[in-house]
Amino acid sequence: MSLSNTTKPYYVILTGSKNNAGDYLIKFRAKQLFAIERSDRDIIDINGWERFDNETLKLVNNSEALILMGGPALQKEMYPMVYPLLDDLNKIKTKIVLMGVGWKSLSGNWNNTYDYQLSSKTIELLQRIKVDGLISSVRDLHTKNVLDNYSFKNNLMTGCPATYSLEHFNVSIAKSKLNVIGFSLGVSFINSKEMLEQMQSAILKFKNKSKSLDAKFIVCFHHSTKKEFLDTHGSSANHLDSHLKFISWLESHQIEWSDISGSAENLIEFYNQCDFHVGYRVHAHIYMSSISKPSILIAEDGRGKALRRTFGAAVVDGFYKVKDDFISKLLRKLKVKSGYIGTSKASSELFEYFESEINNNLITQNKARQCINLNYQVMQKFLKQLP
């Protein structure tokens, strides 16, 4: 939407949807929330990874607020690497606020929130947000604790905007025949042989289980498997090559797969057909939980691990921790050793969790439904205080 198309005061949201289906879902669901809770505002959506030119700056300064939207944006170089904005933040005259932003920790354990590194430039942006005086929204309690430890206490834990589908708030998660089981593939296998073996082991277990249940089994890719992916901002040939090799492995085992990258609609269409999701993608798990369908996540980083505290989600840790000293990082980059510790039992634990759920009326799944409904009250509080 351009300024000329607005009919009422508006917010500018900076989003990160380039290729990953989950990023598109964040934007899709966030716009739905604004339409429900802040119908008095139009929404102008611009790419968060692009620097402001004069025209964009004018658009931003005429808005009621600049909203930095969702995703694992709270990184060491959040500003200016994730959000380039512009060199002089004082040129931004409207108020800045975070919505559903989360941390990006590889090990992702609670103790990692206490030594999480933020650059001086990132702290400059966060200080500006604090001075502007609005309450920000963060994705999980781990992220909130990081900010609390830097004395940025102006945040509510609202969960990710993608979590909320109001039409499903009163729909319980009920046991039904499993016609389709969807398995979302992670990305940690690209840099870790241990995680690759774990994913392949889990896939083979669920392929066999699906056959015994007379259910269709599909492995789902949230990132593109096409060469056009290389035209995407921030893409890499290694990322694509690794995915193509995984597809070859799937096809050698006669396992069906699907590429849902590029839009929220692709993600929604795929998971709407699934009766149960298992796998590694956070937004597959969030989406299925949001529409009251059963899901179990294997956490491959801090985003997944944090979901357990966010809405009581069914989460299995894919590993205990990742070595992050200088030598370990170098060995990981050179593909000598990945540094992942404690990966060997995760696929079996996931399978046992699945068996327990389908044999015990999905008891833990409905706890997530209740938590999501309660968290929405916090999201409403955040949205209603926006100017």
Protein backbone atom coordinates (compact mmCIF):
# COMPACT_ATOMS: atom_id res chain seq x y z
CA MET A 1 0.00 0.00 0.00
CA SER A 2 1.36 3.43 -0.92
CA LEU A 3 0.65 6.68 0.90
CA SER A 4 -1.74 7.73 -1.86
CA ASN A 5 -3.89 4.64 -1.16
CA THR A 6 -4.36 5.24 2.56
CA THR A 7 -7.75 6.49 3.71
CA LYS A 8 -6.97 6.83 7.42
CA PRO A 9 -3.97 7.11 9.76
CA TYR A 10 -1.55 4.25 9.26
CA TYR A 11 1.28 2.19 10.69
CA VAL A 12 4.40 1.23 8.75
CA ILE A 13 5.48 -2.35 9.46
CA LEU A 14 8.94 -3.64 8.57
CA THR A 15 8.74 -7.31 7.66
CA GLY A 16 11.28 -9.96 6.67
CA SER A 17 9.39 -12.17 4.21
CA LYS A 18 11.82 -13.10 1.43
CA ASN A 19 11.39 -16.83 0.83
CA ASN A 20 10.72 -18.68 4.09
CA ALA A 21 7.02 -19.55 4.36
CA GLY A 22 7.04 -18.85 8.10
CA ASP A 23 8.06 -15.22 7.58
CA TYR A 24 5.13 -14.76 5.21
CA LEU A 25 2.81 -16.25 7.83
CA ILE A 26 3.96 -13.69 10.42
CA LYS A 27 3.05 -10.82 8.09
CA PHE A 28 -0.23 -12.45 7.04
CA ARG A 29 -1.42 -13.04 10.59
CA ALA A 30 -0.17 -9.65 11.86
CA LYS A 31 -2.30 -7.87 9.26
CA GLN A 32 -5.30 -9.92 10.37
CA LEU A 33 -4.69 -8.84 13.97
CA PHE A 34 -4.54 -5.18 12.99
CA ALA A 35 -7.77 -5.53 11.02
CA ILE A 36 -9.50 -6.98 14.09
CA GLU A 37 -7.99 -4.93 16.92
CA ARG A 38 -6.94 -1.70 15.16
CA SER A 39 -9.35 -1.25 12.28
CA ASP A 40 -8.84 2.50 12.76
CA ARG A 41 -5.41 2.17 11.12
CA ASP A 42 -4.22 1.26 7.65
CA ILE A 43 -1.07 -0.85 7.30
CA ILE A 44 1.82 -0.11 4.96
CA ASP A 45 4.22 -3.02 4.69
CA ILE A 46 7.82 -2.49 3.55
CA ASN A 47 10.88 -4.73 3.40
CA GLY A 48 12.78 -4.60 6.66
CA TRP A 49 16.16 -5.40 5.08
CA GLU A 50 16.19 -2.32 2.84
CA ARG A 51 17.64 1.06 3.86
CA PHE A 52 15.29 4.01 3.90
CA ASP A 53 15.49 6.35 0.94
CA ASN A 54 13.94 9.84 1.13
CA GLU A 55 10.56 8.63 -0.07
CA THR A 56 10.43 5.82 2.51
CA LEU A 57 11.54 8.15 5.28
CA LYS A 58 8.71 10.53 4.41
CA LEU A 59 6.27 7.61 4.46
CA VAL A 60 7.55 6.51 7.87
CA ASN A 61 7.50 9.99 9.38
CA ASN A 62 3.88 10.50 8.36
CA SER A 63 2.84 7.27 10.10
CA GLU A 64 1.45 6.83 13.61
CA ALA A 65 4.25 4.35 14.41
CA LEU A 66 7.07 2.35 12.82
CA ILE A 67 6.61 -1.29 13.84
CA LEU A 68 9.54 -3.73 13.58
CA MET A 69 7.70 -6.96 12.92
CA GLY A 70 8.38 -10.50 14.07
CA GLY A 71 11.07 -13.03 13.31
CA PRO A 72 14.41 -13.66 15.07
CA ALA A 73 15.45 -10.02 14.70
CA LEU A 74 16.93 -9.52 18.17
CA GLN A 75 20.47 -10.36 17.12
CA LYS A 76 23.82 -8.86 17.99
CA GLU A 77 23.76 -6.67 14.87
CA MET A 78 20.00 -6.09 14.82
CA TYR A 79 20.80 -2.53 13.80
CA PRO A 80 22.01 -2.02 11.14
CA MET A 81 22.34 -5.59 9.74
CA VAL A 82 18.77 -6.84 10.25
CA TYR A 83 17.15 -3.42 10.11
CA PRO A 84 19.40 -0.99 8.18
CA LEU A 85 16.89 1.86 8.62
CA LEU A 86 19.21 4.85 8.16
CA ASP A 87 22.43 6.09 9.75
CA ASP A 88 20.83 8.79 11.86
CA LEU A 89 17.88 7.47 13.87
CA ASN A 90 16.99 11.06 14.82
CA LYS A 91 15.66 11.51 11.30
CA ILE A 92 12.86 9.10 12.17
CA LYS A 93 10.23 11.36 13.72
CA THR A 94 7.52 8.81 14.49
CA LYS A 95 7.65 6.37 17.39
CA ILE A 96 9.37 2.99 16.93
CA VAL A 97 8.15 -0.23 18.54
CA LEU A 98 8.80 -3.99 18.33
CA MET A 99 6.05 -6.53 17.63
CA GLY A 100 6.59 -10.25 18.15
CA VAL A 101 10.36 -9.97 17.77
CA GLY A 102 12.48 -12.85 19.09
CA TRP A 103 16.09 -13.72 19.85
CA LYS A 104 18.34 -15.87 17.65
CA SER A 105 20.36 -18.19 19.86
CA LEU A 106 21.79 -21.44 18.54
CA SER A 107 21.96 -23.30 21.87
CA GLY A 108 18.83 -21.56 23.06
CA ASN A 109 18.92 -22.52 26.74
CA TRP A 110 17.63 -20.21 29.47
CA ASN A 111 21.14 -19.56 30.82
CA ASN A 112 22.10 -18.23 27.38
CA THR A 113 19.75 -15.29 27.93
CA TYR A 114 22.17 -13.89 30.52
CA ASP A 115 25.22 -13.62 28.24
CA TYR A 116 23.48 -12.81 24.96
CA GLN A 117 25.51 -10.27 23.02
CA LEU A 118 24.07 -7.06 21.56
CA SER A 119 26.20 -4.50 19.74
CA SER A 120 26.40 -0.84 20.70
CA LYS A 121 24.41 0.08 17.58
CA THR A 122 21.66 -2.38 18.48
CA ILE A 123 21.53 -0.94 21.99
CA GLU A 124 21.26 2.50 20.41
CA LEU A 125 18.12 1.39 18.54
CA LEU A 126 16.64 -0.27 21.63
CA GLN A 127 17.33 2.86 23.67
CA ARG A 128 15.52 4.93 21.06
CA ILE A 129 12.53 2.58 21.30
CA LYS A 130 12.59 2.90 25.08
CA VAL A 131 12.68 6.70 24.94
CA ASP A 132 9.76 6.75 22.51
CA GLY A 133 7.70 5.34 25.36
CA LEU A 134 5.59 2.62 23.74
CA ILE A 135 5.39 -0.89 25.17
CA SER A 136 6.97 -3.38 22.78
CA SER A 137 5.89 -6.96 22.06
CA VAL A 138 8.30 -9.92 22.09
CA ARG A 139 7.85 -13.48 20.90
CA ASP A 140 8.88 -15.42 24.02
CA LEU A 141 10.10 -15.21 27.60
CA HIS A 142 13.70 -15.93 26.60
CA THR A 143 13.71 -12.79 24.46
CA LYS A 144 12.08 -10.77 27.23
CA ASN A 145 14.73 -11.92 29.68
CA VAL A 146 17.50 -10.86 27.30
CA LEU A 147 16.02 -7.36 27.11
CA ASP A 148 15.35 -7.25 30.86
CA ASN A 149 19.02 -7.98 31.49
CA TYR A 150 19.96 -4.99 29.33
CA SER A 151 17.52 -2.87 31.39
CA PHE A 152 14.97 -2.64 28.58
CA LYS A 153 11.90 -3.56 30.58
CA ASN A 154 9.29 -1.93 28.33
CA ASN A 155 8.16 -5.24 26.78
CA LEU A 156 5.24 -7.65 26.94
CA MET A 157 5.49 -11.33 26.05
CA THR A 158 2.71 -11.59 23.46
CA GLY A 159 3.90 -14.56 21.44
CA CYS A 160 4.41 -14.45 17.68
CA PRO A 161 1.62 -12.73 15.71
CA ALA A 162 1.34 -15.94 13.67
CA THR A 163 -0.01 -17.75 16.75
CA TYR A 164 -3.48 -16.26 16.63
CA SER A 165 -6.49 -17.49 14.66
CA LEU A 166 -9.51 -16.16 16.50
CA GLU A 167 -11.95 -18.51 14.76
CA HIS A 168 -10.21 -21.45 16.45
CA PHE A 169 -10.13 -20.10 20.02
CA ASN A 170 -13.06 -22.28 21.07
CA VAL A 171 -12.04 -25.33 19.07
CA SER A 172 -10.46 -28.07 21.16
CA ILE A 173 -7.78 -30.34 19.73
CA ALA A 174 -9.58 -33.63 19.26
CA LYS A 175 -8.27 -37.03 18.31
CA SER A 176 -9.24 -38.06 14.78
CA LYS A 177 -8.11 -40.47 12.10
CA LEU A 178 -4.67 -39.55 10.79
CA ASN A 179 -4.98 -39.34 7.03
CA VAL A 180 -1.99 -37.06 6.47
CA ILE A 181 1.11 -36.61 8.65
CA GLY A 182 3.27 -33.64 7.73
CA PHE A 183 6.97 -33.52 8.64
CA SER A 184 8.67 -30.13 8.48
CA LEU A 185 12.36 -30.23 7.64
CA GLY A 186 14.75 -28.03 9.61
CA VAL A 187 17.89 -26.25 8.43
CA SER A 188 20.48 -27.27 11.02
CA PHE A 189 21.38 -30.30 8.89
CA ILE A 190 23.16 -27.92 6.52
CA ASN A 191 25.97 -27.38 9.05
CA SER A 192 25.68 -30.47 11.23
CA LYS A 193 26.17 -34.10 10.28
CA GLU A 194 24.63 -35.08 13.62
CA MET A 195 21.44 -33.12 12.92
CA LEU A 196 21.31 -34.53 9.38
CA GLU A 197 21.42 -38.07 10.74
CA GLN A 198 18.82 -37.18 13.38
CA MET A 199 16.39 -35.80 10.78
CA GLN A 200 16.81 -38.78 8.50
CA SER A 201 16.29 -41.17 11.39
CA ALA A 202 13.10 -39.38 12.44
CA ILE A 203 11.77 -39.31 8.88
CA LEU A 204 12.28 -43.05 8.42
CA LYS A 205 10.52 -43.77 11.73
CA PHE A 206 7.51 -41.71 10.72
CA LYS A 207 7.46 -43.09 7.21
CA ASN A 208 7.06 -46.58 8.65
CA LYS A 209 4.56 -45.44 11.29
CA SER A 210 2.46 -43.64 8.68
CA LYS A 211 2.33 -46.81 6.61
CA SER A 212 1.07 -48.80 9.60
CA LEU A 213 -1.61 -46.14 10.19
CA ASP A 214 -2.58 -46.12 6.51
CA ALA A 215 -1.72 -42.41 6.47
CA LYS A 216 -0.02 -40.30 3.83
CA PHE A 217 3.41 -39.00 4.91
CA ILE A 218 4.87 -35.81 3.39
CA VAL A 219 8.13 -34.02 4.18
CA CYS A 220 7.73 -30.27 3.85
CA PHE A 221 10.35 -27.64 2.87
CA HIS A 222 9.71 -24.09 4.13
CA HIS A 223 12.68 -22.74 2.12
CA SER A 224 12.79 -22.89 -1.66
CA THR A 225 14.24 -25.89 -3.45
CA LYS A 226 14.48 -24.05 -6.78
CA LYS A 227 17.49 -22.29 -8.28
CA GLU A 228 15.55 -19.01 -8.28
CA PHE A 229 16.15 -19.04 -4.51
CA LEU A 230 19.66 -17.74 -5.24
CA ASP A 231 18.13 -14.44 -6.38
CA THR A 232 16.71 -13.91 -2.89
CA HIS A 233 18.38 -11.41 -0.57
CA GLY A 234 20.76 -13.24 1.81
CA SER A 235 20.57 -16.62 0.02
CA SER A 236 23.48 -19.03 -0.38
CA ALA A 237 24.38 -21.79 -2.82
CA ASN A 238 25.28 -24.08 0.09
CA HIS A 239 21.76 -23.72 1.48
CA LEU A 240 20.19 -24.68 -1.83
CA ASP A 241 22.64 -27.50 -2.59
CA SER A 242 22.05 -29.04 0.83
CA HIS A 243 18.29 -29.03 0.26
CA LEU A 244 18.65 -30.61 -3.18
CA LYS A 245 20.81 -33.38 -1.72
CA PHE A 246 18.17 -33.99 0.94
CA ILE A 247 15.53 -34.28 -1.76
CA SER A 248 17.67 -36.90 -3.51
CA TRP A 249 17.83 -38.85 -0.25
CA LEU A 250 14.04 -38.62 0.20
CA GLU A 251 13.41 -39.81 -3.33
CA SER A 252 15.82 -42.72 -2.87
CA HIS A 253 13.56 -43.83 0.00
CA GLN A 254 10.33 -43.20 -1.95
CA ILE A 255 9.25 -40.41 0.42
CA GLU A 256 6.90 -37.70 -0.83
CA TRP A 257 7.97 -34.08 -0.34
CA SER A 258 6.53 -30.61 -0.90
CA ASP A 259 8.03 -27.12 -1.31
CA ILE A 260 5.76 -24.51 0.33
CA SER A 261 8.16 -21.57 0.23
CA GLY A 262 7.24 -18.11 -0.98
CA SER A 263 3.87 -17.35 0.61
CA ALA A 264 1.68 -17.72 3.66
CA GLU A 265 -0.99 -19.26 1.44
CA ASN A 266 1.30 -22.16 0.53
CA LEU A 267 1.94 -22.88 4.21
CA ILE A 268 -1.74 -22.61 5.10
CA GLU A 269 -2.85 -24.88 2.26
CA PHE A 270 -0.30 -27.55 3.12
CA TYR A 271 -0.89 -27.72 6.88
CA ASN A 272 -4.67 -27.46 6.56
CA GLN A 273 -4.56 -30.89 4.91
CA CYS A 274 -2.43 -32.37 7.70
CA ASP A 275 -3.97 -34.17 10.68
CA PHE A 276 -0.73 -34.15 12.68
CA HIS A 277 2.55 -32.25 12.31
CA VAL A 278 5.93 -33.35 13.56
CA GLY A 279 9.23 -31.75 12.72
CA TYR A 280 11.58 -28.82 13.07
CA ARG A 281 9.93 -25.68 11.69
CA VAL A 282 8.73 -23.30 14.38
CA HIS A 283 6.00 -21.78 12.24
CA ALA A 284 4.66 -25.16 11.20
CA HIS A 285 4.23 -25.88 14.91
CA ILE A 286 2.78 -22.43 15.60
CA TYR A 287 0.34 -22.65 12.71
CA MET A 288 -0.94 -26.12 13.59
CA SER A 289 -1.36 -25.12 17.23
CA SER A 290 -3.17 -21.95 16.15
CA ILE A 291 -5.80 -23.94 14.21
CA SER A 292 -6.21 -26.51 16.99
CA LYS A 293 -4.44 -29.37 15.28
CA PRO A 294 -1.85 -31.59 17.01
CA SER A 295 1.85 -30.87 16.56
CA ILE A 296 5.17 -31.83 18.11
CA LEU A 297 8.27 -29.72 17.47
CA ILE A 298 11.91 -30.78 17.59
CA ALA A 299 13.77 -27.64 18.61
CA GLU A 300 16.84 -27.05 16.48
CA ASP A 301 17.65 -23.64 17.99
CA GLY A 302 16.59 -21.11 20.61
CA ARG A 303 13.35 -20.22 18.85
CA GLY A 304 12.01 -23.74 19.25
CA LYS A 305 13.25 -24.21 22.80
CA ALA A 306 11.60 -20.94 23.87
CA LEU A 307 8.19 -22.10 22.60
CA ARG A 308 7.95 -24.55 25.49
CA ARG A 309 7.62 -21.63 27.91
CA THR A 310 5.56 -19.51 25.53
CA PHE A 311 2.43 -21.63 25.26
CA GLY A 312 3.24 -24.94 26.92
CA ALA A 313 4.03 -26.37 23.55
CA ALA A 314 4.92 -29.99 22.86
CA VAL A 315 8.64 -29.53 22.24
CA VAL A 316 11.46 -32.06 22.12
CA ASP A 317 15.00 -30.67 22.28
CA GLY A 318 16.96 -31.71 19.19
CA PHE A 319 20.20 -31.24 21.11
CA TYR A 320 21.48 -30.07 24.47
CA LYS A 321 23.79 -27.28 23.39
CA VAL A 322 26.10 -26.08 20.63
CA LYS A 323 29.72 -25.24 21.34
CA ASP A 324 30.22 -21.57 20.55
CA ASP A 325 33.85 -20.83 21.39
CA PHE A 326 36.08 -19.47 18.62
CA ILE A 327 37.64 -22.83 17.71
CA SER A 328 34.25 -24.58 17.61
CA LYS A 329 32.79 -21.86 15.38
CA LEU A 330 35.78 -22.20 13.03
CA LEU A 331 35.48 -26.00 12.88
CA ARG A 332 31.75 -25.66 12.17
CA LYS A 333 32.39 -23.19 9.37
CA LEU A 334 34.99 -25.53 7.87
CA LYS A 335 32.54 -28.45 8.26
CA VAL A 336 35.02 -30.40 10.39
CA LYS A 337 32.87 -30.61 13.55
CA SER A 338 29.47 -29.06 14.07
CA GLY A 339 29.73 -28.70 17.85
CA TYR A 340 26.20 -30.01 18.46
CA ILE A 341 26.03 -31.97 21.72
CA GLY A 342 23.30 -34.41 22.72
CA THR A 343 21.58 -35.17 19.43
CA SER A 344 21.42 -38.97 19.54
CA LYS A 345 18.11 -39.58 21.34
CA ALA A 346 15.90 -36.85 19.89
CA SER A 347 14.34 -38.80 17.01
CA SER A 348 13.40 -41.67 19.33
CA GLU A 349 12.05 -39.24 21.93
CA LEU A 350 9.95 -37.52 19.25
CA PHE A 351 8.53 -40.85 18.10
CA GLU A 352 7.71 -41.93 21.65
CA TYR A 353 6.05 -38.57 22.31
CA PHE A 354 3.94 -39.02 19.19
CA GLU A 355 2.90 -42.53 20.24
CA SER A 356 1.95 -41.26 23.69
CA GLU A 357 -0.13 -38.42 22.27
CA ILE A 358 -2.17 -40.53 19.86
CA ASN A 359 -2.72 -43.19 22.54
CA ASN A 360 -3.76 -40.70 25.27
CA ASN A 361 -6.24 -38.38 23.57
CA LEU A 362 -3.73 -35.59 22.84
CA ILE A 363 -3.68 -34.43 26.46
CA THR A 364 -0.71 -32.06 26.19
CA GLN A 365 -1.95 -30.55 22.93
CA ASN A 366 -4.95 -28.86 24.53
CA LYS A 367 -2.73 -27.20 27.11
CA ALA A 368 -1.21 -25.24 24.22
CA ARG A 369 -4.69 -24.17 23.07
CA GLN A 370 -5.47 -22.77 26.53
CA CYS A 371 -2.16 -20.89 26.76
CA ILE A 372 -2.57 -19.35 23.30
CA ASN A 373 -6.01 -18.02 24.25
CA LEU A 374 -4.63 -16.45 27.42
CA ASN A 375 -1.61 -14.97 25.64
CA TYR A 376 -3.93 -13.26 23.19
CA GLN A 377 -5.15 -11.02 26.01
CA VAL A 378 -1.58 -9.73 26.29
CA MET A 379 -1.39 -9.20 22.52
CA GLN A 380 -4.62 -7.20 22.73
CA LYS A 381 -3.12 -5.02 25.47
CA PHE A 382 -0.11 -4.33 23.26
CA LEU A 383 -2.17 -3.47 20.18
CA LYS A 384 -4.60 -1.22 22.03
CA GLN A 385 -1.81 0.96 23.49
CA LEU A 386 -0.38 1.77 20.06
CA PRO A 387 -1.04 5.38 18.98
